[in-house]
């Protein structure tokens, strides 16, 4: 089992909550963001560390500011 990092878990939680609020599946979010659904799943589980470009793609696909999905992600 891959261990998740607290920062990545916090980010993943924000993505999942934003996705749920838009009533999107991981597959639809991935399609809108131009990413793979398994990548979105890994982000939401806190086991993937997305680069800033992918963070921006996800935010745009969700219709939120990048800063909104990074709230509470503190070092």
PDB file of N, CA and C in Angstrom:
ATOM      1  N   UNK A   1       0.838  -1.188   0.000  1.00  0.00           N
ATOM      2  CA  UNK A   1       0.000   0.000   0.000  1.00  0.00           C
ATOM      3  C   UNK A   1       0.883   1.251   0.000  1.00  0.00           C
ATOM      4  N   UNK A   2       0.532   2.210  -0.810  1.00  0.00           N
ATOM      5  CA  UNK A   2       1.280   3.462  -0.890  1.00  0.00           C
ATOM      6  C   UNK A   2       0.809   4.382   0.228  1.00  0.00           C
ATOM      7  N   UNK A   3       1.778   4.954   0.942  1.00  0.00           N
ATOM      8  CA  UNK A   3       1.445   5.882   2.019  1.00  0.00           C
ATOM      9  C   UNK A   3       1.201   7.272   1.457  1.00  0.00           C
ATOM     10  N   UNK A   4       0.205   7.940   1.991  1.00  0.00           N
ATOM     11  CA  UNK A   4      -0.084   9.288   1.520  1.00  0.00           C
ATOM     12  C   UNK A   4       0.512  10.320   2.471  1.00  0.00           C
ATOM     13  N   UNK A   5       0.802  11.460   1.928  1.00  0.00           N
ATOM     14  CA  UNK A   5       1.387  12.581   2.651  1.00  0.00           C
ATOM     15  C   UNK A   5       0.261  13.490   3.134  1.00  0.00           C
ATOM     16  N   UNK A   6       0.368  14.072   4.337  1.00  0.00           N
ATOM     17  CA  UNK A   6      -0.701  14.954   4.838  1.00  0.00           C
ATOM     18  C   UNK A   6      -1.025  16.123   3.891  1.00  0.00           C
ATOM     19  N   UNK A   7      -0.015  16.700   3.263  1.00  0.00           N
ATOM     20  CA  UNK A   7      -0.257  17.792   2.314  1.00  0.00           C
ATOM     21  C   UNK A   7      -1.048  17.302   1.109  1.00  0.00           C
ATOM     22  N   UNK A   8      -0.669  16.138   0.613  1.00  0.00           N
ATOM     23  CA  UNK A   8      -1.344  15.579  -0.555  1.00  0.00           C
ATOM     24  C   UNK A   8      -2.766  15.151  -0.203  1.00  0.00           C
ATOM     25  N   UNK A   9      -2.948  14.632   1.017  1.00  0.00           N
ATOM     26  CA  UNK A   9      -4.305  14.264   1.453  1.00  0.00           C
ATOM     27  C   UNK A   9      -5.200  15.495   1.528  1.00  0.00           C
ATOM     28  N   UNK A  10      -4.663  16.601   2.064  1.00  0.00           N
ATOM     29  CA  UNK A  10      -5.442  17.844   2.175  1.00  0.00           C
ATOM     30  C   UNK A  10      -5.829  18.351   0.788  1.00  0.00           C
ATOM     31  N   UNK A  11      -4.892  18.335  -0.142  1.00  0.00           N
ATOM     32  CA  UNK A  11      -5.192  18.762  -1.503  1.00  0.00           C
ATOM     33  C   UNK A  11      -6.229  17.839  -2.141  1.00  0.00           C
ATOM     34  N   UNK A  12      -6.039  16.543  -1.988  1.00  0.00           N
ATOM     35  CA  UNK A  12      -6.966  15.572  -2.551  1.00  0.00           C
ATOM     36  C   UNK A  12      -8.373  15.726  -2.004  1.00  0.00           C
ATOM     37  N   UNK A  13      -8.477  16.036  -0.722  1.00  0.00           N
ATOM     38  CA  UNK A  13      -9.782  16.260  -0.097  1.00  0.00           C
ATOM     39  C   UNK A  13     -10.463  17.465  -0.725  1.00  0.00           C
ATOM     40  N   UNK A  14      -9.699  18.528  -0.960  1.00  0.00           N
ATOM     41  CA  UNK A  14     -10.261  19.727  -1.600  1.00  0.00           C
ATOM     42  C   UNK A  14     -10.760  19.418  -3.008  1.00  0.00           C
ATOM     43  N   UNK A  15      -9.978  18.648  -3.754  1.00  0.00           N
ATOM     44  CA  UNK A  15     -10.380  18.280  -5.119  1.00  0.00           C
ATOM     45  C   UNK A  15     -11.662  17.458  -5.074  1.00  0.00           C
ATOM     46  N   UNK A  16     -11.688  16.458  -4.190  1.00  0.00           N
ATOM     47  CA  UNK A  16     -12.869  15.601  -4.090  1.00  0.00           C
ATOM     48  C   UNK A  16     -14.113  16.394  -3.696  1.00  0.00           C
ATOM     49  N   UNK A  17     -13.976  17.290  -2.721  1.00  0.00           N
ATOM     50  CA  UNK A  17     -15.126  18.092  -2.293  1.00  0.00           C
ATOM     51  C   UNK A  17     -15.622  19.002  -3.412  1.00  0.00           C
ATOM     52  N   UNK A  18     -14.693  19.611  -4.140  1.00  0.00           N
ATOM     53  CA  UNK A  18     -15.090  20.476  -5.264  1.00  0.00           C
ATOM     54  C   UNK A  18     -15.746  19.649  -6.361  1.00  0.00           C
ATOM     55  N   UNK A  19     -15.201  18.477  -6.627  1.00  0.00           N
ATOM     56  CA  UNK A  19     -15.767  17.595  -7.655  1.00  0.00           C
ATOM     57  C   UNK A  19     -17.165  17.137  -7.253  1.00  0.00           C
ATOM     58  N   UNK A  20     -17.309  16.741  -5.992  1.00  0.00           N
ATOM     59  CA  UNK A  20     -18.622  16.298  -5.506  1.00  0.00           C
ATOM     60  C   UNK A  20     -19.646  17.428  -5.574  1.00  0.00           C
ATOM     61  N   UNK A  21     -19.217  18.633  -5.239  1.00  0.00           N
ATOM     62  CA  UNK A  21     -20.151  19.761  -5.256  1.00  0.00           C
ATOM     63  C   UNK A  21     -20.639  20.072  -6.674  1.00  0.00           C
ATOM     64  N   UNK A  22     -19.832  19.723  -7.666  1.00  0.00           N
ATOM     65  CA  UNK A  22     -20.215  19.915  -9.077  1.00  0.00           C
ATOM     66  C   UNK A  22     -20.910  18.677  -9.645  1.00  0.00           C
ATOM     67  N   UNK A  23     -21.047  17.658  -8.800  1.00  0.00           N
ATOM     68  CA  UNK A  23     -21.673  16.391  -9.188  1.00  0.00           C
ATOM     69  C   UNK A  23     -20.981  15.758 -10.394  1.00  0.00           C
ATOM     70  N   UNK A  24     -19.662  15.766 -10.346  1.00  0.00           N
ATOM     71  CA  UNK A  24     -18.866  15.152 -11.410  1.00  0.00           C
ATOM     72  C   UNK A  24     -18.280  13.838 -10.921  1.00  0.00           C
ATOM     73  N   UNK A  25     -18.174  12.887 -11.818  1.00  0.00           N
ATOM     74  CA  UNK A  25     -17.435  11.663 -11.511  1.00  0.00           C
ATOM     75  C   UNK A  25     -15.949  11.950 -11.704  1.00  0.00           C
ATOM     76  N   UNK A  26     -15.121  11.067 -11.194  1.00  0.00           N
ATOM     77  CA  UNK A  26     -13.680  11.204 -11.448  1.00  0.00           C
ATOM     78  C   UNK A  26     -13.406  11.117 -12.942  1.00  0.00           C
ATOM     79  N   UNK A  27     -14.158  10.291 -13.630  1.00  0.00           N
ATOM     80  CA  UNK A  27     -13.965  10.128 -15.067  1.00  0.00           C
ATOM     81  C   UNK A  27     -14.287  11.423 -15.820  1.00  0.00           C
ATOM     82  N   UNK A  28     -15.382  12.080 -15.452  1.00  0.00           N
ATOM     83  CA  UNK A  28     -15.754  13.337 -16.112  1.00  0.00           C
ATOM     84  C   UNK A  28     -14.743  14.436 -15.804  1.00  0.00           C
ATOM     85  N   UNK A  29     -14.317  14.529 -14.547  1.00  0.00           N
ATOM     86  CA  UNK A  29     -13.307  15.523 -14.187  1.00  0.00           C
ATOM     87  C   UNK A  29     -12.037  15.283 -14.997  1.00  0.00           C
ATOM     88  N   UNK A  30     -11.618  14.032 -15.069  1.00  0.00           N
ATOM     89  CA  UNK A  30     -10.420  13.693 -15.832  1.00  0.00           C
ATOM     90  C   UNK A  30     -10.576  14.100 -17.297  1.00  0.00           C
ATOM     91  N   UNK A  31     -11.734  13.824 -17.866  1.00  0.00           N
ATOM     92  CA  UNK A  31     -12.003  14.191 -19.260  1.00  0.00           C
ATOM     93  C   UNK A  31     -11.913  15.708 -19.444  1.00  0.00           C
ATOM     94  N   UNK A  32     -12.562  16.458 -18.569  1.00  0.00           N
ATOM     95  CA  UNK A  32     -12.561  17.921 -18.671  1.00  0.00           C
ATOM     96  C   UNK A  32     -11.157  18.498 -18.481  1.00  0.00           C
ATOM     97  N   UNK A  33     -10.352  17.851 -17.636  1.00  0.00           N
ATOM     98  CA  UNK A  33      -9.006  18.350 -17.341  1.00  0.00           C
ATOM     99  C   UNK A  33      -7.951  17.802 -18.303  1.00  0.00           C
ATOM    100  N   UNK A  34      -8.321  16.831 -19.125  1.00  0.00           N
ATOM    101  CA  UNK A  34      -7.355  16.228 -20.041  1.00  0.00           C
ATOM    102  C   UNK A  34      -6.355  15.340 -19.315  1.00  0.00           C
ATOM    103  N   UNK A  35      -6.828  14.687 -18.256  1.00  0.00           N
ATOM    104  CA  UNK A  35      -5.974  13.811 -17.452  1.00  0.00           C
ATOM    105  C   UNK A  35      -6.594  12.420 -17.389  1.00  0.00           C
ATOM    106  N   UNK A  36      -5.852  11.469 -16.863  1.00  0.00           N
ATOM    107  CA  UNK A  36      -6.337  10.103 -16.738  1.00  0.00           C
ATOM    108  C   UNK A  36      -7.165   9.952 -15.459  1.00  0.00           C
ATOM    109  N   UNK A  37      -8.262   9.201 -15.505  1.00  0.00           N
ATOM    110  CA  UNK A  37      -9.068   9.007 -14.297  1.00  0.00           C
ATOM    111  C   UNK A  37      -8.293   8.398 -13.124  1.00  0.00           C
ATOM    112  N   UNK A  38      -7.342   7.510 -13.425  1.00  0.00           N
ATOM    113  CA  UNK A  38      -6.564   6.919 -12.327  1.00  0.00           C
ATOM    114  C   UNK A  38      -5.658   7.961 -11.672  1.00  0.00           C
ATOM    115  N   UNK A  39      -5.247   8.952 -12.427  1.00  0.00           N
ATOM    116  CA  UNK A  39      -4.449  10.055 -11.889  1.00  0.00           C
ATOM    117  C   UNK A  39      -5.307  10.884 -10.932  1.00  0.00           C
ATOM    118  N   UNK A  40      -6.536  11.185 -11.321  1.00  0.00           N
ATOM    119  CA  UNK A  40      -7.457  11.922 -10.450  1.00  0.00           C
ATOM    120  C   UNK A  40      -7.706  11.121  -9.175  1.00  0.00           C
ATOM    121  N   UNK A  41      -7.912   9.832  -9.310  1.00  0.00           N
ATOM    122  CA  UNK A  41      -8.128   8.966  -8.154  1.00  0.00           C
ATOM    123  C   UNK A  41      -6.938   9.030  -7.196  1.00  0.00           C
ATOM    124  N   UNK A  42      -5.741   8.959  -7.743  1.00  0.00           N
ATOM    125  CA  UNK A  42      -4.530   9.028  -6.916  1.00  0.00           C
ATOM    126  C   UNK A  42      -4.392  10.356  -6.198  1.00  0.00           C
ATOM    127  N   UNK A  43      -4.765  11.426  -6.871  1.00  0.00           N
ATOM    128  CA  UNK A  43      -4.728  12.751  -6.242  1.00  0.00           C
ATOM    129  C   UNK A  43      -5.712  12.799  -5.079  1.00  0.00           C
ATOM    130  N   UNK A  44      -6.922  12.332  -5.317  1.00  0.00           N
ATOM    131  CA  UNK A  44      -7.942  12.374  -4.272  1.00  0.00           C
ATOM    132  C   UNK A  44      -7.586  11.485  -3.079  1.00  0.00           C
ATOM    133  N   UNK A  45      -6.840  10.416  -3.317  1.00  0.00           N
ATOM    134  CA  UNK A  45      -6.417   9.534  -2.229  1.00  0.00           C
ATOM    135  C   UNK A  45      -5.144  10.029  -1.541  1.00  0.00           C
ATOM    136  N   UNK A  46      -4.539  11.076  -2.095  1.00  0.00           N
ATOM    137  CA  UNK A  46      -3.334  11.638  -1.489  1.00  0.00           C
ATOM    138  C   UNK A  46      -2.064  10.873  -1.780  1.00  0.00           C
ATOM    139  N   UNK A  47      -2.055  10.097  -2.850  1.00  0.00           N
ATOM    140  CA  UNK A  47      -0.859   9.326  -3.200  1.00  0.00           C
ATOM    141  C   UNK A  47      -0.164   9.838  -4.458  1.00  0.00           C
ATOM    142  N   UNK A  48      -0.744  10.831  -5.117  1.00  0.00           N
ATOM    143  CA  UNK A  48      -0.118  11.459  -6.285  1.00  0.00           C
ATOM    144  C   UNK A  48       0.217  12.896  -5.950  1.00  0.00           C
ATOM    145  N   UNK A  49       1.365  13.337  -6.419  1.00  0.00           N
ATOM    146  CA  UNK A  49       1.821  14.701  -6.194  1.00  0.00           C
ATOM    147  C   UNK A  49       1.757  15.441  -7.529  1.00  0.00           C
ATOM    148  N   UNK A  50       0.637  16.118  -7.807  1.00  0.00           N
ATOM    149  CA  UNK A  50       0.487  16.763  -9.106  1.00  0.00           C
ATOM    150  C   UNK A  50       1.359  18.001  -9.254  1.00  0.00           C
ATOM    151  N   UNK A  51       1.836  18.217 -10.450  1.00  0.00           N
ATOM    152  CA  UNK A  51       2.574  19.435 -10.756  1.00  0.00           C
ATOM    153  C   UNK A  51       1.615  20.610 -10.869  1.00  0.00           C
ATOM    154  N   UNK A  52       2.162  21.803 -10.850  1.00  0.00           N
ATOM    155  CA  UNK A  52       1.330  23.013 -10.864  1.00  0.00           C
ATOM    156  C   UNK A  52       0.477  23.108 -12.131  1.00  0.00           C
ATOM    157  N   UNK A  53       0.972  22.641 -13.258  1.00  0.00           N
ATOM    158  CA  UNK A  53       0.166  22.668 -14.493  1.00  0.00           C
ATOM    159  C   UNK A  53      -1.083  21.803 -14.340  1.00  0.00           C
ATOM    160  N   UNK A  54      -0.910  20.631 -13.738  1.00  0.00           N
ATOM    161  CA  UNK A  54      -2.059  19.754 -13.550  1.00  0.00           C
ATOM    162  C   UNK A  54      -3.007  20.292 -12.488  1.00  0.00           C
ATOM    163  N   UNK A  55      -2.479  20.947 -11.470  1.00  0.00           N
ATOM    164  CA  UNK A  55      -3.330  21.598 -10.467  1.00  0.00           C
ATOM    165  C   UNK A  55      -4.196  22.654 -11.167  1.00  0.00           C
ATOM    166  N   UNK A  56      -3.588  23.430 -12.048  1.00  0.00           N
ATOM    167  CA  UNK A  56      -4.317  24.460 -12.784  1.00  0.00           C
ATOM    168  C   UNK A  56      -5.361  23.841 -13.715  1.00  0.00           C
ATOM    169  N   UNK A  57      -5.028  22.741 -14.367  1.00  0.00           N
ATOM    170  CA  UNK A  57      -5.983  22.054 -15.250  1.00  0.00           C
ATOM    171  C   UNK A  57      -7.197  21.566 -14.455  1.00  0.00           C
ATOM    172  N   UNK A  58      -6.934  21.004 -13.280  1.00  0.00           N
ATOM    173  CA  UNK A  58      -8.013  20.490 -12.433  1.00  0.00           C
ATOM    174  C   UNK A  58      -8.896  21.638 -11.963  1.00  0.00           C
ATOM    175  N   UNK A  59      -8.277  22.727 -11.519  1.00  0.00           N
ATOM    176  CA  UNK A  59      -9.055  23.889 -11.060  1.00  0.00           C
ATOM    177  C   UNK A  59      -9.931  24.421 -12.187  1.00  0.00           C
ATOM    178  N   UNK A  60      -9.363  24.553 -13.370  1.00  0.00           N
ATOM    179  CA  UNK A  60     -10.130  25.057 -14.512  1.00  0.00           C
ATOM    180  C   UNK A  60     -11.289  24.123 -14.839  1.00  0.00           C
ATOM    181  N   UNK A  61     -11.030  22.821 -14.819  1.00  0.00           N
ATOM    182  CA  UNK A  61     -12.076  21.841 -15.117  1.00  0.00           C
ATOM    183  C   UNK A  61     -13.200  21.890 -14.081  1.00  0.00           C
ATOM    184  N   UNK A  62     -12.847  22.251 -12.843  1.00  0.00           N
ATOM    185  CA  UNK A  62     -13.835  22.354 -11.767  1.00  0.00           C
ATOM    186  C   UNK A  62     -14.510  23.727 -11.736  1.00  0.00           C
ATOM    187  N   UNK A  63     -13.961  24.680 -12.483  1.00  0.00           N
ATOM    188  CA  UNK A  63     -14.518  26.027 -12.480  1.00  0.00           C
ATOM    189  C   UNK A  63     -14.248  26.785 -11.200  1.00  0.00           C
ATOM    190  N   UNK A  64     -13.089  26.501 -10.587  1.00  0.00           N
ATOM    191  CA  UNK A  64     -12.696  27.185  -9.349  1.00  0.00           C
ATOM    192  C   UNK A  64     -11.302  27.777  -9.528  1.00  0.00           C
ATOM    193  N   UNK A  65     -10.934  28.673  -8.621  1.00  0.00           N
ATOM    194  CA  UNK A  65      -9.581  29.226  -8.635  1.00  0.00           C
ATOM    195  C   UNK A  65      -8.602  28.175  -8.116  1.00  0.00           C
ATOM    196  N   UNK A  66      -7.390  28.224  -8.644  1.00  0.00           N
ATOM    197  CA  UNK A  66      -6.356  27.313  -8.171  1.00  0.00           C
ATOM    198  C   UNK A  66      -6.166  27.467  -6.664  1.00  0.00           C
ATOM    199  N   UNK A  67      -6.224  28.700  -6.182  1.00  0.00           N
ATOM    200  CA  UNK A  67      -6.047  28.941  -4.742  1.00  0.00           C
ATOM    201  C   UNK A  67      -7.146  28.279  -3.917  1.00  0.00           C
ATOM    202  N   UNK A  68      -8.351  28.146  -4.495  1.00  0.00           N
ATOM    203  CA  UNK A  68      -9.454  27.524  -3.756  1.00  0.00           C
ATOM    204  C   UNK A  68      -9.205  26.059  -3.471  1.00  0.00           C
ATOM    205  N   UNK A  69      -8.630  25.333  -4.434  1.00  0.00           N
ATOM    206  CA  UNK A  69      -8.394  23.909  -4.186  1.00  0.00           C
ATOM    207  C   UNK A  69      -7.092  23.670  -3.422  1.00  0.00           C
ATOM    208  N   UNK A  70      -6.350  24.759  -3.161  1.00  0.00           N
ATOM    209  CA  UNK A  70      -5.129  24.644  -2.358  1.00  0.00           C
ATOM    210  C   UNK A  70      -5.317  25.136  -0.926  1.00  0.00           C
ATOM    211  N   UNK A  71      -6.530  25.590  -0.592  1.00  0.00           N
ATOM    212  CA  UNK A  71      -6.791  26.094   0.759  1.00  0.00           C
ATOM    213  C   UNK A  71      -6.536  25.013   1.791  1.00  0.00           C
ATOM    214  N   UNK A  72      -5.848  25.376   2.872  1.00  0.00           N
ATOM    215  CA  UNK A  72      -5.585  24.447   3.956  1.00  0.00           C
ATOM    216  C   UNK A  72      -4.420  23.518   3.693  1.00  0.00           C
ATOM    217  N   UNK A  73      -3.798  23.653   2.540  1.00  0.00           N
ATOM    218  CA  UNK A  73      -2.626  22.829   2.215  1.00  0.00           C
ATOM    219  C   UNK A  73      -1.406  23.627   2.676  1.00  0.00           C
ATOM    220  N   UNK A  74      -1.000  23.366   3.898  1.00  0.00           N
ATOM    221  CA  UNK A  74       0.082  24.133   4.513  1.00  0.00           C
ATOM    222  C   UNK A  74       1.288  23.253   4.787  1.00  0.00           C
ATOM    223  N   UNK A  75       2.444  23.821   4.595  1.00  0.00           N
ATOM    224  CA  UNK A  75       3.695  23.085   4.851  1.00  0.00           C
ATOM    225  C   UNK A  75       4.023  23.116   6.334  1.00  0.00           C
TER     226      UNK A  75
END
